[in-house]
């Protein structure tokens, strides 16, 4: 049983959760993370910020902020994000 998925296997329109607003919020990928032969370190998503009292809007997030993706009605942890120059 798979519980994880590589960042490289994400697709446009995937339902995701991300942590760019300080806690996990649902959203949708607005573009594929694949870029030619590499992967995007920053990706465009639609964030449902209204879930935590903020605005729903499109914006860019760092790859590592995409934490989960829904596949076949199961939530999978996203792993193997591309290395970013940003550190926590």
Protein backbone atom coordinates (compact mmCIF):
# COMPACT_ATOMS: atom_id res chain seq x y z
CA UNK A 1 0.00 0.00 0.00
CA UNK A 2 1.49 3.30 -1.12
CA UNK A 3 1.42 6.18 1.36
CA UNK A 4 3.89 8.48 -0.41
CA UNK A 5 4.28 10.00 -3.86
CA UNK A 6 7.23 11.74 -5.51
CA UNK A 7 6.88 15.45 -6.21
CA UNK A 8 7.80 14.65 -9.83
CA UNK A 9 4.58 12.62 -10.21
CA UNK A 10 2.22 15.48 -9.37
CA UNK A 11 -0.03 16.75 -12.16
CA UNK A 12 -1.92 19.92 -13.02
CA UNK A 13 -5.33 20.01 -11.25
CA UNK A 14 -4.25 17.62 -8.46
CA UNK A 15 -6.02 18.28 -5.14
CA UNK A 16 -3.32 19.08 -2.58
CA UNK A 17 -2.65 20.41 0.89
CA UNK A 18 0.04 23.02 1.47
CA UNK A 19 1.54 24.82 4.47
CA UNK A 20 2.40 28.26 3.07
CA UNK A 21 -0.25 29.94 5.28
CA UNK A 22 1.19 28.49 8.49
CA UNK A 23 -1.00 25.41 8.72
CA UNK A 24 -2.28 22.83 6.22
CA UNK A 25 -4.88 24.21 3.81
CA UNK A 26 -6.48 22.57 0.78
CA UNK A 27 -5.77 23.69 -2.73
CA UNK A 28 -5.27 22.68 -6.35
CA UNK A 29 -2.20 22.65 -8.56
CA UNK A 30 -2.58 25.16 -11.37
CA UNK A 31 0.45 23.81 -13.28
CA UNK A 32 2.55 20.69 -13.52
CA UNK A 33 5.78 20.71 -11.52
CA UNK A 34 7.66 19.23 -14.48
CA UNK A 35 9.74 21.72 -16.44
CA UNK A 36 11.55 20.24 -19.41
CA UNK A 37 13.89 17.68 -17.87
CA UNK A 38 13.78 19.23 -14.39
CA UNK A 39 11.30 20.21 -11.69
CA UNK A 40 9.99 23.62 -10.64
CA UNK A 41 11.14 24.77 -7.20
CA UNK A 42 8.21 27.23 -7.04
CA UNK A 43 4.78 26.21 -8.30
CA UNK A 44 1.45 27.96 -8.90
CA UNK A 45 -1.51 26.74 -6.82
CA UNK A 46 -5.08 27.76 -6.01
CA UNK A 47 -5.28 28.01 -2.23
CA UNK A 48 -8.57 27.69 -0.32
CA UNK A 49 -7.56 30.11 2.41
CA UNK A 50 -11.21 30.60 3.40
CA UNK A 51 -10.89 27.33 5.33
CA UNK A 52 -8.80 29.24 7.91
CA UNK A 53 -10.46 32.65 7.58
CA UNK A 54 -8.30 34.04 4.77
CA UNK A 55 -8.90 34.56 1.05
CA UNK A 56 -9.12 31.96 -1.69
CA UNK A 57 -6.56 32.94 -4.30
CA UNK A 58 -3.93 31.79 -6.75
CA UNK A 59 -0.31 32.18 -5.77
CA UNK A 60 3.15 30.68 -5.90
CA UNK A 61 4.53 28.39 -3.20
CA UNK A 62 7.86 26.67 -2.67
CA UNK A 63 7.83 23.01 -3.69
CA UNK A 64 8.49 21.80 -0.13
CA UNK A 65 5.26 23.52 1.01
CA UNK A 66 3.15 21.04 -0.97
CA UNK A 67 2.68 18.35 1.66
CA UNK A 68 -0.05 15.95 0.44
CA UNK A 69 -1.93 15.01 -2.73
CA UNK A 70 -5.21 13.16 -3.16
CA UNK A 71 -5.09 10.14 -5.47
CA UNK A 72 -7.84 7.53 -5.78
CA UNK A 73 -9.62 9.07 -2.77
CA UNK A 74 -6.51 8.56 -0.59
CA UNK A 75 -4.20 11.25 0.75
CA UNK A 76 -0.53 10.59 -0.01
CA UNK A 77 2.48 12.37 1.47
CA UNK A 78 4.54 14.26 -1.14
CA UNK A 79 8.26 13.43 -0.93
CA UNK A 80 11.47 14.14 -2.88
CA UNK A 81 10.84 17.85 -3.44
CA UNK A 82 13.52 19.64 -5.50
CA UNK A 83 16.22 21.34 -3.44
CA UNK A 84 15.47 25.01 -2.84
CA UNK A 85 17.78 27.85 -1.84
CA UNK A 86 15.24 28.70 0.86
CA UNK A 87 15.72 27.18 4.31
CA UNK A 88 13.56 27.16 7.41
